Amino acid sequence: MSMDKSRTSNEEALDFVSKFNEIYFQTFTYHLSSFVKDGFLKDLFEKNPSVPKDKAQILIERFGETADPANFTSQAQATNINPPPFR
């Protein structure tokens, strides 16, 4: 894949991306497909109100305590970006 570098001032970053974009997309595809296969995305985005799920708990179970949405409250306040609530 060739990249147009004429508009970019940081050639080192572009060189890095050019060298590793294939491995990035392979890794991204692997993880996304695993989320589909094991039902993680289905569980996270389930809209069936008869089966209520704690979306924050799903994230914590998958990614650990660091994924707890409560950890991002101060960051959201500092950046004035309010993430949508998990329901």
N, C-alpha and C. Protein backbone atom coordinates (compact mmCIF):
# COMPACT_ATOMS: atom_id res chain seq x y z
N MET A 1 0.85 -1.16 0.00
CA MET A 1 0.00 0.00 0.00
C MET A 1 0.90 1.23 0.00
N SER A 2 0.69 2.11 -0.96
CA SER A 2 1.49 3.33 -0.98
C SER A 2 0.71 4.46 -0.33
N MET A 3 1.46 5.34 0.30
CA MET A 3 0.82 6.46 0.98
C MET A 3 1.37 7.76 0.43
N ASP A 4 0.49 8.73 0.24
CA ASP A 4 0.89 10.06 -0.21
C ASP A 4 1.46 10.81 0.98
N LYS A 5 2.75 11.08 0.95
CA LYS A 5 3.41 11.74 2.07
C LYS A 5 3.58 13.25 1.83
N SER A 6 3.06 13.76 0.73
CA SER A 6 3.31 15.15 0.38
C SER A 6 2.68 16.14 1.35
N ARG A 7 1.58 15.77 2.00
CA ARG A 7 0.90 16.71 2.89
C ARG A 7 1.25 16.50 4.35
N THR A 8 2.14 15.59 4.65
CA THR A 8 2.43 15.26 6.04
C THR A 8 3.84 15.71 6.41
N SER A 9 3.93 16.38 7.56
CA SER A 9 5.24 16.88 7.98
C SER A 9 6.02 15.87 8.82
N ASN A 10 5.36 14.88 9.42
CA ASN A 10 6.03 13.94 10.29
C ASN A 10 6.28 12.63 9.54
N GLU A 11 7.37 12.58 8.81
CA GLU A 11 7.65 11.41 7.97
C GLU A 11 8.00 10.17 8.79
N GLU A 12 8.59 10.35 9.98
CA GLU A 12 8.91 9.19 10.81
C GLU A 12 7.64 8.45 11.21
N ALA A 13 6.61 9.19 11.58
CA ALA A 13 5.34 8.56 11.94
C ALA A 13 4.74 7.85 10.74
N LEU A 14 4.79 8.49 9.60
CA LEU A 14 4.26 7.86 8.38
C LEU A 14 5.02 6.59 8.02
N ASP A 15 6.33 6.63 8.17
CA ASP A 15 7.13 5.44 7.88
C ASP A 15 6.75 4.29 8.82
N PHE A 16 6.55 4.61 10.08
CA PHE A 16 6.15 3.60 11.05
C PHE A 16 4.80 2.98 10.66
N VAL A 17 3.83 3.84 10.37
CA VAL A 17 2.51 3.36 9.97
C VAL A 17 2.59 2.55 8.70
N SER A 18 3.40 2.98 7.76
CA SER A 18 3.54 2.26 6.50
C SER A 18 4.10 0.86 6.72
N LYS A 19 5.01 0.73 7.66
CA LYS A 19 5.63 -0.57 7.91
C LYS A 19 4.74 -1.51 8.70
N PHE A 20 3.90 -0.95 9.58
CA PHE A 20 3.15 -1.80 10.49
C PHE A 20 1.65 -1.80 10.27
N ASN A 21 1.16 -1.18 9.19
CA ASN A 21 -0.28 -1.14 8.99
C ASN A 21 -0.87 -2.53 8.75
N GLU A 22 -0.15 -3.40 8.09
CA GLU A 22 -0.67 -4.74 7.82
C GLU A 22 -0.84 -5.53 9.12
N ILE A 23 0.16 -5.51 9.99
CA ILE A 23 0.06 -6.23 11.26
C ILE A 23 -1.04 -5.62 12.12
N TYR A 24 -1.19 -4.29 12.07
CA TYR A 24 -2.27 -3.63 12.82
C TYR A 24 -3.63 -4.16 12.37
N PHE A 25 -3.87 -4.18 11.07
CA PHE A 25 -5.16 -4.62 10.57
C PHE A 25 -5.39 -6.12 10.81
N GLN A 26 -4.34 -6.90 10.75
CA GLN A 26 -4.48 -8.32 11.07
C GLN A 26 -4.86 -8.50 12.54
N THR A 27 -4.22 -7.76 13.42
CA THR A 27 -4.51 -7.85 14.85
C THR A 27 -5.91 -7.35 15.14
N PHE A 28 -6.27 -6.23 14.54
CA PHE A 28 -7.61 -5.66 14.72
C PHE A 28 -8.68 -6.64 14.24
N THR A 29 -8.47 -7.23 13.08
CA THR A 29 -9.42 -8.20 12.53
C THR A 29 -9.53 -9.42 13.43
N TYR A 30 -8.41 -9.90 13.95
CA TYR A 30 -8.43 -11.05 14.85
C TYR A 30 -9.28 -10.77 16.09
N HIS A 31 -9.04 -9.62 16.73
CA HIS A 31 -9.77 -9.31 17.95
C HIS A 31 -11.25 -9.05 17.67
N LEU A 32 -11.55 -8.34 16.60
CA LEU A 32 -12.94 -8.09 16.27
C LEU A 32 -13.68 -9.39 15.97
N SER A 33 -13.05 -10.29 15.25
CA SER A 33 -13.71 -11.57 14.96
C SER A 33 -13.90 -12.39 16.22
N SER A 34 -12.95 -12.32 17.15
CA SER A 34 -13.11 -13.06 18.41
C SER A 34 -14.27 -12.48 19.22
N PHE A 35 -14.46 -11.15 19.18
CA PHE A 35 -15.58 -10.52 19.89
C PHE A 35 -16.91 -10.98 19.30
N VAL A 36 -16.93 -11.20 17.99
CA VAL A 36 -18.16 -11.67 17.34
C VAL A 36 -18.39 -13.15 17.66
N LYS A 37 -17.34 -13.96 17.55
CA LYS A 37 -17.48 -15.40 17.76
C LYS A 37 -17.91 -15.75 19.18
N ASP A 38 -17.34 -15.07 20.18
CA ASP A 38 -17.66 -15.44 21.55
C ASP A 38 -18.89 -14.71 22.10
N GLY A 39 -19.52 -13.87 21.28
CA GLY A 39 -20.76 -13.23 21.69
C GLY A 39 -20.59 -11.95 22.50
N PHE A 40 -19.35 -11.48 22.65
CA PHE A 40 -19.11 -10.28 23.44
C PHE A 40 -19.87 -9.08 22.90
N LEU A 41 -19.78 -8.84 21.59
CA LEU A 41 -20.47 -7.69 21.00
C LEU A 41 -21.98 -7.83 21.10
N LYS A 42 -22.47 -9.04 20.92
CA LYS A 42 -23.91 -9.28 21.04
C LYS A 42 -24.38 -8.96 22.45
N ASP A 43 -23.64 -9.42 23.43
CA ASP A 43 -23.99 -9.15 24.83
C ASP A 43 -23.93 -7.65 25.14
N LEU A 44 -22.91 -6.99 24.62
CA LEU A 44 -22.72 -5.58 24.92
C LEU A 44 -23.80 -4.70 24.29
N PHE A 45 -24.25 -5.06 23.10
CA PHE A 45 -25.21 -4.22 22.38
C PHE A 45 -26.61 -4.80 22.33
N GLU A 46 -26.89 -5.79 23.16
CA GLU A 46 -28.23 -6.39 23.23
C GLU A 46 -29.26 -5.34 23.60
N LYS A 47 -30.35 -5.28 22.85
CA LYS A 47 -31.39 -4.29 23.09
C LYS A 47 -32.67 -4.91 23.65
N ASN A 48 -32.62 -6.16 24.04
CA ASN A 48 -33.80 -6.85 24.55
C ASN A 48 -34.02 -6.48 26.01
N PRO A 49 -35.07 -5.69 26.30
CA PRO A 49 -35.29 -5.26 27.68
C PRO A 49 -35.70 -6.39 28.63
N SER A 50 -36.11 -7.53 28.09
CA SER A 50 -36.49 -8.64 28.97
C SER A 50 -35.26 -9.35 29.53
N VAL A 51 -34.09 -9.06 28.98
CA VAL A 51 -32.85 -9.65 29.45
C VAL A 51 -31.90 -8.51 29.82
N PRO A 52 -32.13 -7.85 30.96
CA PRO A 52 -31.26 -6.74 31.33
C PRO A 52 -29.85 -7.21 31.66
N LYS A 53 -28.87 -6.44 31.19
CA LYS A 53 -27.48 -6.79 31.46
C LYS A 53 -26.74 -5.55 31.92
N ASP A 54 -25.86 -5.74 32.84
CA ASP A 54 -25.02 -4.65 33.32
C ASP A 54 -23.84 -4.52 32.36
N LYS A 55 -23.93 -3.54 31.48
CA LYS A 55 -22.91 -3.37 30.43
C LYS A 55 -21.55 -3.03 31.04
N ALA A 56 -21.55 -2.26 32.11
CA ALA A 56 -20.28 -1.94 32.77
C ALA A 56 -19.63 -3.22 33.29
N GLN A 57 -20.43 -4.12 33.85
CA GLN A 57 -19.90 -5.38 34.37
C GLN A 57 -19.36 -6.25 33.24
N ILE A 58 -20.02 -6.22 32.08
CA ILE A 58 -19.54 -6.99 30.92
C ILE A 58 -18.16 -6.48 30.51
N LEU A 59 -17.99 -5.16 30.48
CA LEU A 59 -16.69 -4.59 30.13
C LEU A 59 -15.61 -4.96 31.15
N ILE A 60 -15.97 -4.89 32.43
CA ILE A 60 -15.01 -5.22 33.49
C ILE A 60 -14.61 -6.70 33.41
N GLU A 61 -15.58 -7.58 33.17
CA GLU A 61 -15.28 -9.00 33.07
C GLU A 61 -14.35 -9.28 31.89
N ARG A 62 -14.54 -8.56 30.81
CA ARG A 62 -13.74 -8.80 29.60
C ARG A 62 -12.34 -8.19 29.69
N PHE A 63 -12.27 -6.94 30.17
CA PHE A 63 -11.01 -6.20 30.10
C PHE A 63 -10.38 -5.89 31.45
N GLY A 64 -11.04 -6.27 32.55
CA GLY A 64 -10.49 -6.02 33.87
C GLY A 64 -11.01 -4.74 34.48
N GLU A 65 -10.59 -4.49 35.71
CA GLU A 65 -11.07 -3.33 36.48
C GLU A 65 -10.76 -2.00 35.81
N THR A 66 -9.72 -1.95 34.99
CA THR A 66 -9.38 -0.69 34.34
C THR A 66 -10.44 -0.25 33.33
N ALA A 67 -11.31 -1.16 32.91
CA ALA A 67 -12.36 -0.84 31.96
C ALA A 67 -13.63 -0.33 32.64
N ASP A 68 -13.61 -0.23 33.95
CA ASP A 68 -14.78 0.26 34.67
C ASP A 68 -15.07 1.69 34.23
N PRO A 69 -16.28 1.96 33.71
CA PRO A 69 -16.61 3.31 33.25
C PRO A 69 -16.43 4.37 34.33
N ALA A 70 -16.51 4.00 35.59
CA ALA A 70 -16.30 4.96 36.68
C ALA A 70 -14.90 5.55 36.64
N ASN A 71 -13.96 4.82 36.08
CA ASN A 71 -12.57 5.30 36.00
C ASN A 71 -12.42 6.46 35.02
N PHE A 72 -13.42 6.69 34.18
CA PHE A 72 -13.31 7.71 33.15
C PHE A 72 -14.08 8.99 33.49
N THR A 73 -14.64 9.05 34.68
CA THR A 73 -15.43 10.22 35.08
C THR A 73 -14.57 11.48 35.12
N SER A 74 -13.42 11.41 35.76
CA SER A 74 -12.57 12.60 35.87
C SER A 74 -12.04 13.02 34.51
N GLN A 75 -11.73 12.04 33.66
CA GLN A 75 -11.25 12.37 32.32
C GLN A 75 -12.36 13.06 31.52
N ALA A 76 -13.58 12.57 31.64
CA ALA A 76 -14.70 13.17 30.93
C ALA A 76 -14.93 14.60 31.40
N GLN A 77 -14.80 14.83 32.69
CA GLN A 77 -14.98 16.18 33.22
C GLN A 77 -13.86 17.11 32.76
N ALA A 78 -12.64 16.61 32.75
CA ALA A 78 -11.50 17.44 32.36
C ALA A 78 -11.54 17.81 30.88
N THR A 79 -12.06 16.92 30.05
CA THR A 79 -12.09 17.18 28.61
C THR A 79 -13.44 17.72 28.15
N ASN A 80 -14.39 17.80 29.08
CA ASN A 80 -15.74 18.27 28.77
C ASN A 80 -16.41 17.39 27.72
N ILE A 81 -16.11 16.11 27.77
CA ILE A 81 -16.72 15.13 26.87
C ILE A 81 -17.51 14.17 27.76
N ASN A 82 -18.77 14.09 27.54
CA ASN A 82 -19.61 13.21 28.34
C ASN A 82 -19.93 11.94 27.55
N PRO A 83 -19.33 10.82 27.95
CA PRO A 83 -19.64 9.57 27.26
C PRO A 83 -21.07 9.16 27.52
N PRO A 84 -21.69 8.49 26.55
CA PRO A 84 -23.06 8.04 26.77
C PRO A 84 -23.12 6.99 27.87
N PRO A 85 -24.18 6.98 28.65
CA PRO A 85 -24.28 5.98 29.73
C PRO A 85 -24.51 4.59 29.14
N PHE A 86 -23.97 3.58 29.82
CA PHE A 86 -24.22 2.20 29.43
C PHE A 86 -25.53 1.77 30.05
N ARG A 87 -26.40 1.26 29.25
CA ARG A 87 -27.70 0.79 29.74
C ARG A 87 -27.95 -0.61 29.30
